[in-house]
PDB file of all heavy atoms in Angstrom:
ATOM      1  N   PRO A   1      91.075  84.176  63.592  1.00  0.00           N
ATOM      2  CA  PRO A   1      91.295  82.802  64.054  1.00  0.00           C
ATOM      3  C   PRO A   1      92.121  82.759  65.303  1.00  0.00           C
ATOM      4  O   PRO A   1      91.891  81.866  66.211  1.00  0.00           O
ATOM      5  CB  PRO A   1      91.991  82.141  62.911  1.00  0.00           C
ATOM      6  CG  PRO A   1      92.450  83.103  62.002  1.00  0.00           C
ATOM      7  CD  PRO A   1      91.576  84.346  62.232  1.00  0.00           C
ATOM      8  N   LEU A   2      93.041  83.612  65.447  1.00  0.00           N
ATOM      9  CA  LEU A   2      93.866  83.734  66.704  1.00  0.00           C
ATOM     10  C   LEU A   2      93.053  84.082  67.904  1.00  0.00           C
ATOM     11  O   LEU A   2      93.191  83.619  69.023  1.00  0.00           O
ATOM     12  CB  LEU A   2      95.092  84.543  66.549  1.00  0.00           C
ATOM     13  CG  LEU A   2      96.136  83.998  65.526  1.00  0.00           C
ATOM     14  CD1 LEU A   2      97.267  84.953  65.370  1.00  0.00           C
ATOM     15  CD2 LEU A   2      96.719  82.640  66.174  1.00  0.00           C
ATOM     16  N   ALA A   3      92.069  85.089  67.633  1.00  0.00           N
ATOM     17  CA  ALA A   3      91.162  85.472  68.712  1.00  0.00           C
ATOM     18  C   ALA A   3      90.255  84.348  69.117  1.00  0.00           C
ATOM     19  O   ALA A   3      90.048  84.165  70.338  1.00  0.00           O
ATOM     20  CB  ALA A   3      90.358  86.730  68.254  1.00  0.00           C
ATOM     21  N   VAL A   4      89.727  83.581  68.136  1.00  0.00           N
ATOM     22  CA  VAL A   4      88.971  82.447  68.503  1.00  0.00           C
ATOM     23  C   VAL A   4      89.773  81.382  69.238  1.00  0.00           C
ATOM     24  O   VAL A   4      89.248  80.845  70.269  1.00  0.00           O
ATOM     25  CB  VAL A   4      88.329  81.745  67.208  1.00  0.00           C
ATOM     26  CG1 VAL A   4      87.664  80.439  67.482  1.00  0.00           C
ATOM     27  CG2 VAL A   4      87.319  82.808  66.550  1.00  0.00           C
ATOM     28  N   LEU A   5      90.999  81.203  68.864  1.00  0.00           N
ATOM     29  CA  LEU A   5      91.859  80.234  69.547  1.00  0.00           C
ATOM     30  C   LEU A   5      92.135  80.758  71.018  1.00  0.00           C
ATOM     31  O   LEU A   5      91.982  79.906  71.965  1.00  0.00           O
ATOM     32  CB  LEU A   5      93.123  80.068  68.894  1.00  0.00           C
ATOM     33  CG  LEU A   5      94.241  79.119  69.556  1.00  0.00           C
ATOM     34  CD1 LEU A   5      93.607  77.718  69.626  1.00  0.00           C
ATOM     35  CD2 LEU A   5      95.516  79.239  68.861  1.00  0.00           C
ATOM     36  N   ALA A   6      92.375  81.974  71.224  1.00  0.00           N
ATOM     37  CA  ALA A   6      92.618  82.513  72.553  1.00  0.00           C
ATOM     38  C   ALA A   6      91.355  82.392  73.433  1.00  0.00           C
ATOM     39  O   ALA A   6      91.461  82.043  74.566  1.00  0.00           O
ATOM     40  CB  ALA A   6      93.032  84.008  72.480  1.00  0.00           C
ATOM     41  N   ALA A   7      90.165  82.728  72.876  1.00  0.00           N
ATOM     42  CA  ALA A   7      88.981  82.577  73.595  1.00  0.00           C
ATOM     43  C   ALA A   7      88.721  81.135  73.972  1.00  0.00           C
ATOM     44  O   ALA A   7      88.307  80.802  75.083  1.00  0.00           O
ATOM     45  CB  ALA A   7      87.786  83.083  72.820  1.00  0.00           C
ATOM     46  N   GLY A   8      89.055  80.233  73.077  1.00  0.00           N
ATOM     47  CA  GLY A   8      88.849  78.753  73.386  1.00  0.00           C
ATOM     48  C   GLY A   8      89.788  78.345  74.455  1.00  0.00           C
ATOM     49  O   GLY A   8      89.391  77.540  75.293  1.00  0.00           O
ATOM     50  N   VAL A   9      91.005  78.768  74.421  1.00  0.00           N
ATOM     51  CA  VAL A   9      91.951  78.446  75.466  1.00  0.00           C
ATOM     52  C   VAL A   9      91.509  78.964  76.790  1.00  0.00           C
ATOM     53  O   VAL A   9      91.620  78.241  77.844  1.00  0.00           O
ATOM     54  CB  VAL A   9      93.347  78.857  75.078  1.00  0.00           C
ATOM     55  CG1 VAL A   9      94.421  78.751  76.215  1.00  0.00           C
ATOM     56  CG2 VAL A   9      93.900  78.088  73.924  1.00  0.00           C
ATOM     57  N   ALA A  10      91.073  80.174  76.838  1.00  0.00           N
ATOM     58  CA  ALA A  10      90.655  80.832  78.052  1.00  0.00           C
ATOM     59  C   ALA A  10      89.385  79.985  78.608  1.00  0.00           C
ATOM     60  O   ALA A  10      89.297  79.719  79.790  1.00  0.00           O
ATOM     61  CB  ALA A  10      90.288  82.245  77.910  1.00  0.00           C
ATOM     62  N   GLY A  11      88.448  79.768  77.767  1.00  0.00           N
ATOM     63  CA  GLY A  11      87.355  78.895  78.107  1.00  0.00           C
ATOM     64  C   GLY A  11      87.629  77.553  78.600  1.00  0.00           C
ATOM     65  O   GLY A  11      87.092  77.083  79.647  1.00  0.00           O
ATOM     66  N   ALA A  12      88.550  76.939  77.923  1.00  0.00           N
ATOM     67  CA  ALA A  12      89.018  75.590  78.344  1.00  0.00           C
ATOM     68  C   ALA A  12      89.722  75.631  79.745  1.00  0.00           C
ATOM     69  O   ALA A  12      89.572  74.766  80.488  1.00  0.00           O
ATOM     70  CB  ALA A  12      89.966  74.972  77.249  1.00  0.00           C
ATOM     71  N   GLY A  13      90.475  76.753  79.942  1.00  0.00           N
ATOM     72  CA  GLY A  13      91.135  76.885  81.251  1.00  0.00           C
ATOM     73  C   GLY A  13      90.126  77.063  82.348  1.00  0.00           C
ATOM     74  O   GLY A  13      90.287  76.363  83.429  1.00  0.00           O
ATOM     75  N   TYR A  14      88.997  77.792  82.129  1.00  0.00           N
ATOM     76  CA  TYR A  14      88.023  77.883  83.130  1.00  0.00           C
ATOM     77  C   TYR A  14      87.314  76.527  83.292  1.00  0.00           C
ATOM     78  O   TYR A  14      87.059  76.085  84.433  1.00  0.00           O
ATOM     79  CB  TYR A  14      87.031  78.949  82.822  1.00  0.00           C
ATOM     80  CG  TYR A  14      85.878  79.052  83.772  1.00  0.00           C
ATOM     81  CD1 TYR A  14      86.072  79.649  85.025  1.00  0.00           C
ATOM     82  CD2 TYR A  14      84.682  78.610  83.509  1.00  0.00           C
ATOM     83  CE1 TYR A  14      84.988  79.709  85.949  1.00  0.00           C
ATOM     84  CE2 TYR A  14      83.585  78.636  84.382  1.00  0.00           C
ATOM     85  CZ  TYR A  14      83.844  79.196  85.631  1.00  0.00           C
ATOM     86  OH  TYR A  14      82.786  79.286  86.524  1.00  0.00           O
ATOM     87  N   LEU A  15      86.936  75.884  82.180  1.00  0.00           N
ATOM     88  CA  LEU A  15      86.205  74.615  82.239  1.00  0.00           C
ATOM     89  C   LEU A  15      87.045  73.537  82.913  1.00  0.00           C
ATOM     90  O   LEU A  15      86.484  72.676  83.651  1.00  0.00           O
ATOM     91  CB  LEU A  15      85.891  74.268  80.799  1.00  0.00           C
ATOM     92  CG  LEU A  15      85.088  72.900  80.707  1.00  0.00           C
ATOM     93  CD1 LEU A  15      83.732  73.021  81.474  1.00  0.00           C
ATOM     94  CD2 LEU A  15      84.829  72.637  79.308  1.00  0.00           C
ATOM     95  N   TYR A  16      88.350  73.586  82.787  1.00  0.00           N
ATOM     96  CA  TYR A  16      89.285  72.580  83.341  1.00  0.00           C
ATOM     97  C   TYR A  16      89.065  72.511  84.872  1.00  0.00           C
ATOM     98  O   TYR A  16      89.139  71.459  85.534  1.00  0.00           O
ATOM     99  CB  TYR A  16      90.678  72.781  82.973  1.00  0.00           C
ATOM    100  CG  TYR A  16      91.603  71.622  83.428  1.00  0.00           C
ATOM    101  CD1 TYR A  16      91.663  70.502  82.660  1.00  0.00           C
ATOM    102  CD2 TYR A  16      92.285  71.706  84.605  1.00  0.00           C
ATOM    103  CE1 TYR A  16      92.442  69.370  83.059  1.00  0.00           C
ATOM    104  CE2 TYR A  16      93.080  70.650  85.080  1.00  0.00           C
ATOM    105  CZ  TYR A  16      93.144  69.487  84.305  1.00  0.00           C
ATOM    106  OH  TYR A  16      93.946  68.450  84.661  1.00  0.00           O
ATOM    107  N   VAL A  17      88.928  73.666  85.435  1.00  0.00           N
ATOM    108  CA  VAL A  17      88.796  73.702  86.889  1.00  0.00           C
ATOM    109  C   VAL A  17      87.375  73.857  87.471  1.00  0.00           C
ATOM    110  O   VAL A  17      87.145  74.048  88.623  1.00  0.00           O
ATOM    111  CB  VAL A  17      89.588  74.902  87.494  1.00  0.00           C
ATOM    112  CG1 VAL A  17      91.088  74.646  87.225  1.00  0.00           C
ATOM    113  CG2 VAL A  17      89.150  76.223  86.993  1.00  0.00           C
ATOM    114  N   THR A  18      86.360  73.837  86.573  1.00  0.00           N
ATOM    115  CA  THR A  18      85.018  73.971  86.909  1.00  0.00           C
ATOM    116  C   THR A  18      84.233  72.736  86.400  1.00  0.00           C
ATOM    117  O   THR A  18      84.024  72.540  85.170  1.00  0.00           O
ATOM    118  CB  THR A  18      84.405  75.162  86.231  1.00  0.00           C
ATOM    119  OG1 THR A  18      85.227  76.325  86.553  1.00  0.00           O
ATOM    120  CG2 THR A  18      82.982  75.461  86.640  1.00  0.00           C
ATOM    121  N   ASP A  19      83.785  71.906  87.339  1.00  0.00           N
ATOM    122  CA  ASP A  19      83.080  70.649  86.883  1.00  0.00           C
ATOM    123  C   ASP A  19      81.607  70.962  86.583  1.00  0.00           C
ATOM    124  O   ASP A  19      80.806  71.278  87.370  1.00  0.00           O
ATOM    125  CB  ASP A  19      83.133  69.691  88.105  1.00  0.00           C
ATOM    126  CG  ASP A  19      82.542  68.314  87.678  1.00  0.00           C
ATOM    127  OD1 ASP A  19      81.956  68.180  86.671  1.00  0.00           O
ATOM    128  OD2 ASP A  19      82.681  67.322  88.533  1.00  0.00           O
ATOM    129  N   PRO A  20      81.248  70.875  85.256  1.00  0.00           N
ATOM    130  CA  PRO A  20      79.892  71.193  84.868  1.00  0.00           C
ATOM    131  C   PRO A  20      78.860  70.093  85.334  1.00  0.00           C
ATOM    132  O   PRO A  20      77.680  70.361  85.195  1.00  0.00           O
ATOM    133  CB  PRO A  20      79.972  71.231  83.371  1.00  0.00           C
ATOM    134  CG  PRO A  20      81.166  70.365  83.027  1.00  0.00           C
ATOM    135  CD  PRO A  20      82.077  70.474  84.139  1.00  0.00           C
ATOM    136  N   HIS A  21      79.344  68.941  85.823  1.00  0.00           N
ATOM    137  CA  HIS A  21      78.452  67.975  86.376  1.00  0.00           C
ATOM    138  C   HIS A  21      77.939  68.356  87.763  1.00  0.00           C
ATOM    139  O   HIS A  21      76.936  67.719  88.216  1.00  0.00           O
ATOM    140  CB  HIS A  21      79.219  66.706  86.544  1.00  0.00           C
ATOM    141  CG  HIS A  21      79.638  65.997  85.277  1.00  0.00           C
ATOM    142  ND1 HIS A  21      78.857  65.416  84.350  1.00  0.00           N
ATOM    143  CD2 HIS A  21      80.911  66.026  84.638  1.00  0.00           C
ATOM    144  CE1 HIS A  21      79.561  65.036  83.215  1.00  0.00           C
ATOM    145  NE2 HIS A  21      80.786  65.395  83.446  1.00  0.00           N
ATOM    146  N   GLN A  22      78.525  69.402  88.331  1.00  0.00           N
ATOM    147  CA  GLN A  22      78.156  69.868  89.685  1.00  0.00           C
ATOM    148  C   GLN A  22      77.442  71.204  89.594  1.00  0.00           C
ATOM    149  O   GLN A  22      77.796  72.074  88.746  1.00  0.00           O
ATOM    150  CB  GLN A  22      79.360  69.973  90.617  1.00  0.00           C
ATOM    151  CG  GLN A  22      80.167  68.724  90.726  1.00  0.00           C
ATOM    152  CD  GLN A  22      79.356  67.589  91.418  1.00  0.00           C
ATOM    153  OE1 GLN A  22      78.557  67.796  92.254  1.00  0.00           O
ATOM    154  NE2 GLN A  22      79.594  66.424  90.855  1.00  0.00           N
ATOM    155  N   PRO A  23      76.454  71.524  90.482  1.00  0.00           N
ATOM    156  CA  PRO A  23      75.884  72.809  90.436  1.00  0.00           C
ATOM    157  C   PRO A  23      76.740  73.843  91.085  1.00  0.00           C
ATOM    158  O   PRO A  23      77.775  73.526  91.665  1.00  0.00           O
ATOM    159  CB  PRO A  23      74.601  72.636  91.367  1.00  0.00           C
ATOM    160  CG  PRO A  23      75.017  71.472  92.245  1.00  0.00           C
ATOM    161  CD  PRO A  23      75.905  70.639  91.475  1.00  0.00           C
ATOM    162  N   GLY A  24      76.380  75.107  90.807  1.00  0.00           N
ATOM    163  CA  GLY A  24      77.183  76.258  91.436  1.00  0.00           C
ATOM    164  C   GLY A  24      78.254  76.856  90.539  1.00  0.00           C
ATOM    165  O   GLY A  24      79.082  77.539  91.038  1.00  0.00           O
ATOM    166  N   HIS A  25      78.244  76.647  89.272  1.00  0.00           N
ATOM    167  CA  HIS A  25      79.195  77.203  88.408  1.00  0.00           C
ATOM    168  C   HIS A  25      78.672  78.347  87.532  1.00  0.00           C
ATOM    169  O   HIS A  25      77.424  78.582  87.578  1.00  0.00           O
ATOM    170  CB  HIS A  25      79.828  76.099  87.458  1.00  0.00           C
ATOM    171  CG  HIS A  25      78.826  75.291  86.793  1.00  0.00           C
ATOM    172  ND1 HIS A  25      78.066  75.770  85.754  1.00  0.00           N
ATOM    173  CD2 HIS A  25      78.394  74.056  87.000  1.00  0.00           C
ATOM    174  CE1 HIS A  25      77.226  74.806  85.340  1.00  0.00           C
ATOM    175  NE2 HIS A  25      77.447  73.779  86.019  1.00  0.00           N
ATOM    176  N   VAL A  26      79.419  79.048  86.760  1.00  0.00           N
ATOM    177  CA  VAL A  26      78.958  80.124  85.983  1.00  0.00           C
ATOM    178  C   VAL A  26      78.856  79.773  84.508  1.00  0.00           C
ATOM    179  O   VAL A  26      78.892  80.619  83.660  1.00  0.00           O
ATOM    180  CB  VAL A  26      79.871  81.373  86.136  1.00  0.00           C
ATOM    181  CG1 VAL A  26      79.300  82.633  85.551  1.00  0.00           C
ATOM    182  CG2 VAL A  26      80.143  81.574  87.688  1.00  0.00           C
ATOM    183  N   LEU A  27      78.823  78.502  84.226  1.00  0.00           N
ATOM    184  CA  LEU A  27      78.696  78.091  82.869  1.00  0.00           C
ATOM    185  C   LEU A  27      77.253  78.310  82.269  1.00  0.00           C
ATOM    186  O   LEU A  27      76.334  78.023  83.008  1.00  0.00           O
ATOM    187  CB  LEU A  27      79.095  76.579  82.776  1.00  0.00           C
ATOM    188  CG  LEU A  27      80.496  76.248  83.204  1.00  0.00           C
ATOM    189  CD1 LEU A  27      80.723  74.794  83.193  1.00  0.00           C
ATOM    190  CD2 LEU A  27      81.488  76.765  82.153  1.00  0.00           C
ATOM    191  N   PRO A  28      77.162  78.719  80.989  1.00  0.00           N
ATOM    192  CA  PRO A  28      75.828  78.951  80.504  1.00  0.00           C
ATOM    193  C   PRO A  28      75.028  77.643  80.318  1.00  0.00           C
ATOM    194  O   PRO A  28      75.624  76.618  79.964  1.00  0.00           O
ATOM    195  CB  PRO A  28      76.129  79.628  79.120  1.00  0.00           C
ATOM    196  CG  PRO A  28      77.473  79.156  78.784  1.00  0.00           C
ATOM    197  CD  PRO A  28      78.258  78.987  80.072  1.00  0.00           C
ATOM    198  N   GLN A  29      73.734  77.843  80.442  1.00  0.00           N
ATOM    199  CA  GLN A  29      72.888  76.711  80.105  1.00  0.00           C
ATOM    200  C   GLN A  29      72.345  76.789  78.720  1.00  0.00           C
ATOM    201  O   GLN A  29      72.297  77.918  78.177  1.00  0.00           O
ATOM    202  CB  GLN A  29      71.733  76.729  81.140  1.00  0.00           C
ATOM    203  CG  GLN A  29      72.195  76.488  82.552  1.00  0.00           C
ATOM    204  CD  GLN A  29      71.143  75.754  83.375  1.00  0.00           C
ATOM    205  OE1 GLN A  29      70.134  75.402  82.915  1.00  0.00           O
ATOM    206  NE2 GLN A  29      71.467  75.674  84.705  1.00  0.00           N
ATOM    207  N   CYS A  30      71.948  75.668  78.221  1.00  0.00           N
ATOM    208  CA  CYS A  30      71.428  75.640  76.810  1.00  0.00           C
ATOM    209  C   CYS A  30      70.052  76.324  76.787  1.00  0.00           C
ATOM    210  O   CYS A  30      69.137  75.987  77.487  1.00  0.00           O
ATOM    211  CB  CYS A  30      71.257  74.184  76.337  1.00  0.00           C
ATOM    212  SG  CYS A  30      70.443  74.017  74.715  1.00  0.00           S
ATOM    213  N   PRO A  31      69.934  77.380  75.894  1.00  0.00           N
ATOM    214  CA  PRO A  31      68.652  78.076  75.935  1.00  0.00           C
ATOM    215  C   PRO A  31      67.523  77.253  75.375  1.00  0.00           C
ATOM    216  O   PRO A  31      66.376  77.372  75.774  1.00  0.00           O
ATOM    217  CB  PRO A  31      68.902  79.350  74.976  1.00  0.00           C
ATOM    218  CG  PRO A  31      70.256  79.176  74.428  1.00  0.00           C
ATOM    219  CD  PRO A  31      70.949  77.990  75.106  1.00  0.00           C
ATOM    220  N   PHE A  32      67.861  76.351  74.335  1.00  0.00           N
ATOM    221  CA  PHE A  32      66.770  75.483  73.758  1.00  0.00           C
ATOM    222  C   PHE A  32      66.261  74.529  74.849  1.00  0.00           C
ATOM    223  O   PHE A  32      65.018  74.373  75.004  1.00  0.00           O
ATOM    224  CB  PHE A  32      67.419  74.691  72.623  1.00  0.00           C
ATOM    225  CG  PHE A  32      66.399  73.792  71.976  1.00  0.00           C
ATOM    226  CD1 PHE A  32      65.624  74.328  71.030  1.00  0.00           C
ATOM    227  CD2 PHE A  32      66.322  72.444  72.281  1.00  0.00           C
ATOM    228  CE1 PHE A  32      64.676  73.454  70.378  1.00  0.00           C
ATOM    229  CE2 PHE A  32      65.350  71.581  71.627  1.00  0.00           C
ATOM    230  CZ  PHE A  32      64.626  72.136  70.657  1.00  0.00           C
ATOM    231  N   ARG A  33      67.149  74.014  75.740  1.00  0.00           N
ATOM    232  CA  ARG A  33      66.723  73.107  76.737  1.00  0.00           C
ATOM    233  C   ARG A  33      65.920  73.861  77.843  1.00  0.00           C
ATOM    234  O   ARG A  33      64.937  73.334  78.417  1.00  0.00           O
ATOM    235  CB  ARG A  33      67.871  72.425  77.327  1.00  0.00           C
ATOM    236  CG  ARG A  33      67.463  71.255  78.296  1.00  0.00           C
ATOM    237  CD  ARG A  33      68.599  70.385  78.701  1.00  0.00           C
ATOM    238  NE  ARG A  33      67.953  69.326  79.493  1.00  0.00           N
ATOM    239  CZ  ARG A  33      68.776  68.438  80.083  1.00  0.00           C
ATOM    240  NH1 ARG A  33      70.023  68.459  79.976  1.00  0.00           N
ATOM    241  NH2 ARG A  33      68.221  67.435  80.793  1.00  0.00           N
ATOM    242  N   LEU A  34      66.362  75.080  78.162  1.00  0.00           N
ATOM    243  CA  LEU A  34      65.590  75.913  79.103  1.00  0.00           C
ATOM    244  C   LEU A  34      64.179  76.185  78.688  1.00  0.00           C
ATOM    245  O   LEU A  34      63.269  76.151  79.505  1.00  0.00           O
ATOM    246  CB  LEU A  34      66.364  77.234  79.325  1.00  0.00           C
ATOM    247  CG  LEU A  34      67.557  77.209  80.238  1.00  0.00           C
ATOM    248  CD1 LEU A  34      68.239  78.545  80.276  1.00  0.00           C
ATOM    249  CD2 LEU A  34      67.176  76.774  81.679  1.00  0.00           C
ATOM    250  N   VAL A  35      64.007  76.434  77.356  1.00  0.00           N
ATOM    251  CA  VAL A  35      62.705  76.768  76.822  1.00  0.00           C
ATOM    252  C   VAL A  35      61.853  75.545  76.616  1.00  0.00           C
ATOM    253  O   VAL A  35      60.686  75.471  76.958  1.00  0.00           O
ATOM    254  CB  VAL A  35      62.825  77.494  75.555  1.00  0.00           C
ATOM    255  CG1 VAL A  35      61.431  77.812  74.836  1.00  0.00           C
ATOM    256  CG2 VAL A  35      63.408  78.940  75.838  1.00  0.00           C
ATOM    257  N   THR A  36      62.403  74.424  76.094  1.00  0.00           N
ATOM    258  CA  THR A  36      61.642  73.288  75.670  1.00  0.00           C
ATOM    259  C   THR A  36      61.763  72.211  76.596  1.00  0.00           C
ATOM    260  O   THR A  36      60.888  71.195  76.649  1.00  0.00           O
ATOM    261  CB  THR A  36      62.060  72.750  74.268  1.00  0.00           C
ATOM    262  OG1 THR A  36      63.367  72.333  74.356  1.00  0.00           O
ATOM    263  CG2 THR A  36      61.914  73.919  73.256  1.00  0.00           C
ATOM    264  N   GLY A  37      62.846  72.013  77.361  1.00  0.00           N
ATOM    265  CA  GLY A  37      63.094  70.830  78.272  1.00  0.00           C
ATOM    266  C   GLY A  37      63.675  69.647  77.439  1.00  0.00           C
ATOM    267  O   GLY A  37      63.989  68.666  77.977  1.00  0.00           O
ATOM    268  N   LEU A  38      63.941  69.934  76.179  1.00  0.00           N
ATOM    269  CA  LEU A  38      64.501  68.858  75.341  1.00  0.00           C
ATOM    270  C   LEU A  38      66.033  69.109  75.077  1.00  0.00           C
ATOM    271  O   LEU A  38      66.488  70.293  75.203  1.00  0.00           O
ATOM    272  CB  LEU A  38      63.836  68.870  73.965  1.00  0.00           C
ATOM    273  CG  LEU A  38      62.323  68.532  73.952  1.00  0.00           C
ATOM    274  CD1 LEU A  38      61.741  68.711  72.584  1.00  0.00           C
ATOM    275  CD2 LEU A  38      62.046  67.152  74.471  1.00  0.00           C
ATOM    276  N   LEU A  39      66.727  68.101  74.723  1.00  0.00           N
ATOM    277  CA  LEU A  39      68.145  68.222  74.506  1.00  0.00           C
ATOM    278  C   LEU A  39      68.362  68.593  73.069  1.00  0.00           C
ATOM    279  O   LEU A  39      67.773  68.091  72.127  1.00  0.00           O
ATOM    280  CB  LEU A  39      68.856  66.899  74.649  1.00  0.00           C
ATOM    281  CG  LEU A  39      68.822  66.301  76.089  1.00  0.00           C
ATOM    282  CD1 LEU A  39      69.391  64.872  76.078  1.00  0.00           C
ATOM    283  CD2 LEU A  39      69.657  67.164  77.025  1.00  0.00           C
ATOM    284  N   CYS A  40      69.203  69.712  72.770  1.00  0.00           N
ATOM    285  CA  CYS A  40      69.521  70.098  71.460  1.00  0.00           C
ATOM    286  C   CYS A  40      70.660  69.222  70.968  1.00  0.00           C
ATOM    287  O   CYS A  40      71.284  68.476  71.770  1.00  0.00           O
ATOM    288  CB  CYS A  40      69.931  71.584  71.484  1.00  0.00           C
ATOM    289  SG  CYS A  40      71.539  71.959  71.948  1.00  0.00           S
ATOM    290  N   PRO A  41      71.010  69.271  69.741  1.00  0.00           N
ATOM    291  CA  PRO A  41      72.137  68.456  69.215  1.00  0.00           C
ATOM    292  C   PRO A  41      73.445  68.678  69.907  1.00  0.00           C
ATOM    293  O   PRO A  41      74.291  67.799  69.898  1.00  0.00           O
ATOM    294  CB  PRO A  41      72.202  68.819  67.764  1.00  0.00           C
ATOM    295  CG  PRO A  41      70.886  69.349  67.374  1.00  0.00           C
ATOM    296  CD  PRO A  41      70.417  69.993  68.619  1.00  0.00           C
ATOM    297  N   ALA A  42      73.675  69.922  70.439  1.00  0.00           N
ATOM    298  CA  ALA A  42      74.991  70.170  71.202  1.00  0.00           C
ATOM    299  C   ALA A  42      74.823  69.976  72.674  1.00  0.00           C
ATOM    300  O   ALA A  42      75.902  70.157  73.329  1.00  0.00           O
ATOM    301  CB  ALA A  42      75.371  71.595  70.775  1.00  0.00           C
ATOM    302  N   CYS A  43      73.670  69.737  73.182  1.00  0.00           N
ATOM    303  CA  CYS A  43      73.671  69.493  74.684  1.00  0.00           C
ATOM    304  C   CYS A  43      74.599  68.515  75.141  1.00  0.00           C
ATOM    305  O   CYS A  43      74.696  67.408  74.527  1.00  0.00           O
ATOM    306  CB  CYS A  43      72.200  69.236  75.103  1.00  0.00           C
ATOM    307  SG  CYS A  43      71.129  70.627  75.299  1.00  0.00           S
ATOM    308  N   GLY A  44      75.308  68.752  76.226  1.00  0.00           N
ATOM    309  CA  GLY A  44      76.225  67.858  76.772  1.00  0.00           C
ATOM    310  C   GLY A  44      77.674  68.188  76.240  1.00  0.00           C
ATOM    311  O   GLY A  44      78.651  67.479  76.691  1.00  0.00           O
TER     312      GLY A  44
END
């Protein structure tokens, strides 16, 4: 659980300075949406 927390904090730190609304970031895209073009329950 502490490793999950540390990974979450690191991810949140990167996300805080990286606007996912703008192109040109290294954030992963939803594989379901890439394949189907539809939004999965977690998209967004």
